[in-house]
Amino acid sequence: MLTKTVLALAACGLFAVGSCVPAFAEDATPAAAPAASAQKLNVELNSLAPSQKGCMMTFVAENDMATPITKISFELAFFNDKNAVDRITVLDFRDLPIGKKRVRQFDMPAVKCESVTRIIINDTPVCEGPAVSDCKAALTTRSQLSVPFEG
C-alpha cells in the first residue's frame, strides 16, 4: 500500500512538473515592446537678470517630439508683484531641432526683474513642423527660479 501511495505522489509530482513547463515557456517569450515615450516640448525659465533696457530673461528649450520645429513662438503673460498681468508679449524661439537644447534670451524693456512674480505661456501662436495642437499638448514647463513658470 505504501508503494502505491509513493507511486501516486511521484506521478502527481511528475504531472505538476510537466504542467509547469508550458508556464516556463510562456515566461521565456519576449515581452511586448514598451509604449512609446511621451513626446515633450520642454521650456525652462532659467534666469532673470537686470539689464540696461529692463530685464534679460533666459529660457532653455528642448524639442523631444517626433518632428523638428522650424519655427515656434510663445505668447507669455508676465505678472507683477501685485499679482496683476503687467504685460503680454510674443517671443520668437525660432527653430528647435529634435533632441537639442536651445538657449533663448529676451531683453524685456521697462520690466524690473524683481517685480516679476509669475510667467505663464498663454498660447503658442506659431509652431511650424508639427501641428500647433501637438506643440500645445506636448508643452511642459519648469523654472530654475523662485518665479513660477506655467504652460
Protein backbone atom coordinates (compact mmCIF):
# COMPACT_ATOMS: atom_id res chain seq x y z
CA MET A 1 0.00 0.00 0.00
CA LEU A 2 2.86 2.34 0.82
CA THR A 3 4.31 1.66 -2.61
CA LYS A 4 1.06 2.67 -4.30
CA THR A 5 0.99 5.93 -2.31
CA VAL A 6 4.62 6.73 -3.20
CA LEU A 7 3.93 5.98 -6.87
CA ALA A 8 0.81 8.14 -6.80
CA LEU A 9 2.73 11.04 -5.21
CA ALA A 10 5.55 10.59 -7.71
CA ALA A 11 3.06 10.61 -10.57
CA CYS A 12 1.45 13.78 -9.19
CA GLY A 13 4.87 15.37 -8.85
CA LEU A 14 5.74 14.48 -12.45
CA PHE A 15 2.37 15.73 -13.57
CA ALA A 16 2.90 19.01 -11.69
CA VAL A 17 6.38 19.45 -13.17
CA GLY A 18 5.04 18.58 -16.63
CA SER A 19 2.28 21.15 -16.28
CA CYS A 20 4.78 23.86 -15.25
CA VAL A 21 6.82 23.51 -18.42
CA PRO A 22 4.36 25.47 -20.59
CA ALA A 23 4.28 28.23 -17.97
CA PHE A 24 8.06 28.50 -18.12
CA ALA A 25 7.88 28.55 -21.89
CA GLU A 26 5.37 31.39 -21.77
CA ASP A 27 7.63 33.40 -19.45
CA ALA A 28 10.52 32.96 -21.88
CA THR A 29 8.66 34.66 -24.72
CA PRO A 30 9.70 38.27 -25.38
CA ALA A 31 7.62 40.91 -23.65
CA ALA A 32 5.63 43.36 -25.68
CA ALA A 33 7.56 46.48 -26.64
CA PRO A 34 7.14 49.32 -24.14
CA ALA A 35 4.83 52.14 -25.12
CA ALA A 36 6.46 54.99 -26.98
CA SER A 37 7.81 57.61 -24.62
CA ALA A 38 5.65 60.65 -24.24
CA GLN A 39 6.54 63.45 -26.62
CA LYS A 40 7.52 66.64 -24.84
CA LEU A 41 8.32 70.21 -25.70
CA ASN A 42 10.29 71.34 -22.65
CA VAL A 43 10.64 75.04 -21.88
CA GLU A 44 12.50 76.16 -18.78
CA LEU A 45 12.72 79.62 -17.24
CA ASN A 46 16.43 79.63 -16.46
CA SER A 47 17.23 83.15 -15.26
CA LEU A 48 16.11 86.74 -14.89
CA ALA A 49 18.85 89.37 -14.80
CA PRO A 50 18.64 93.16 -14.75
CA SER A 51 19.81 94.76 -17.99
CA GLN A 52 20.25 98.29 -19.32
CA LYS A 53 16.85 98.06 -21.01
CA GLY A 54 14.96 96.26 -18.26
CA CYS A 55 15.11 92.51 -17.59
CA MET A 56 17.06 89.88 -19.54
CA MET A 57 15.07 86.65 -19.49
CA THR A 58 16.82 83.39 -20.33
CA PHE A 59 14.93 80.26 -21.39
CA VAL A 60 16.17 76.77 -22.24
CA ALA A 61 14.00 74.86 -24.71
CA GLU A 62 14.26 71.27 -25.92
CA ASN A 63 12.16 69.53 -28.55
CA ASP A 64 11.62 65.88 -27.58
CA MET A 65 8.82 65.47 -30.10
CA ALA A 66 8.98 63.26 -33.19
CA THR A 67 9.14 66.23 -35.60
CA PRO A 68 11.66 69.08 -35.82
CA ILE A 69 10.20 72.51 -35.19
CA THR A 70 11.27 75.00 -37.85
CA LYS A 71 9.67 77.99 -36.12
CA ILE A 72 7.87 78.46 -32.82
CA SER A 73 6.71 81.39 -30.76
CA PHE A 74 5.05 81.65 -27.37
CA GLU A 75 2.69 84.28 -26.05
CA LEU A 76 3.77 84.97 -22.48
CA ALA A 77 1.94 86.81 -19.72
CA PHE A 78 4.10 88.45 -17.05
CA PHE A 79 2.59 89.03 -13.61
CA ASN A 80 3.86 91.77 -11.29
CA ASP A 81 4.25 91.95 -7.52
CA LYS A 82 0.55 92.90 -7.21
CA ASN A 83 -0.36 89.61 -8.97
CA ALA A 84 -1.69 91.58 -11.92
CA VAL A 85 -0.76 90.95 -15.54
CA ASP A 86 1.93 93.51 -16.27
CA ARG A 87 2.27 92.71 -19.97
CA ILE A 88 1.61 90.11 -22.62
CA THR A 89 4.13 89.63 -25.39
CA VAL A 90 5.02 87.10 -28.08
CA LEU A 91 8.56 85.72 -28.03
CA ASP A 92 10.06 84.07 -31.12
CA PHE A 93 12.03 80.97 -30.11
CA ARG A 94 12.99 80.35 -33.77
CA ASP A 95 13.82 76.70 -34.59
CA LEU A 96 14.00 73.76 -32.19
CA PRO A 97 15.65 70.67 -33.72
CA ILE A 98 14.81 67.28 -32.23
CA GLY A 99 16.74 66.44 -29.07
CA LYS A 100 18.87 69.60 -28.94
CA LYS A 101 18.68 72.17 -26.19
CA ARG A 102 18.47 75.78 -27.28
CA VAL A 103 19.09 78.80 -25.06
CA ARG A 104 16.99 81.84 -25.94
CA GLN A 105 17.38 85.27 -24.35
CA PHE A 106 14.95 88.15 -24.49
CA ASP A 107 15.63 91.63 -23.14
CA MET A 108 12.31 92.95 -21.87
CA PRO A 109 12.36 96.77 -21.86
CA ALA A 110 10.88 98.61 -18.88
CA VAL A 111 10.43 95.39 -16.89
CA LYS A 112 12.02 95.15 -13.44
CA CYS A 113 13.11 91.57 -12.81
CA GLU A 114 12.38 91.82 -9.09
CA SER A 115 8.74 92.69 -9.82
CA VAL A 116 8.11 89.58 -11.98
CA THR A 117 6.25 87.11 -9.74
CA ARG A 118 4.94 84.61 -12.29
CA ILE A 119 5.13 83.90 -16.04
CA ILE A 120 2.52 81.94 -17.98
CA ILE A 121 2.72 80.62 -21.54
CA ASN A 122 -0.68 81.82 -22.63
CA ASP A 123 -0.60 80.48 -26.19
CA THR A 124 1.55 79.03 -28.96
CA PRO A 125 0.57 81.20 -31.93
CA VAL A 126 3.24 79.73 -34.25
CA CYS A 127 4.50 76.16 -34.42
CA GLU A 128 5.82 75.06 -37.80
CA GLY A 129 6.77 71.43 -38.29
CA PRO A 130 4.30 69.58 -36.09
CA ALA A 131 0.70 70.75 -35.77
CA VAL A 132 0.13 73.69 -33.41
CA SER A 133 -2.17 71.49 -31.31
CA ASP A 134 0.65 68.93 -30.95
CA CYS A 135 3.01 71.64 -29.69
CA LYS A 136 0.46 72.78 -27.13
CA ALA A 137 -0.24 69.22 -25.99
CA ALA A 138 3.47 68.39 -25.62
CA LEU A 139 4.38 71.58 -23.75
CA THR A 140 5.96 71.13 -20.32
CA THR A 141 7.36 74.00 -18.27
CA ARG A 142 9.65 74.34 -15.29
CA SER A 143 11.54 77.11 -13.53
CA GLN A 144 15.04 77.20 -12.09
CA LEU A 145 13.96 80.25 -10.07
CA SER A 146 11.50 81.02 -7.31
CA VAL A 147 9.37 82.64 -10.04
CA PRO A 148 6.71 80.12 -11.17
CA PHE A 149 6.65 79.36 -14.91
CA GLU A 150 3.48 77.68 -16.18
CA GLY A 151 2.30 76.41 -19.54
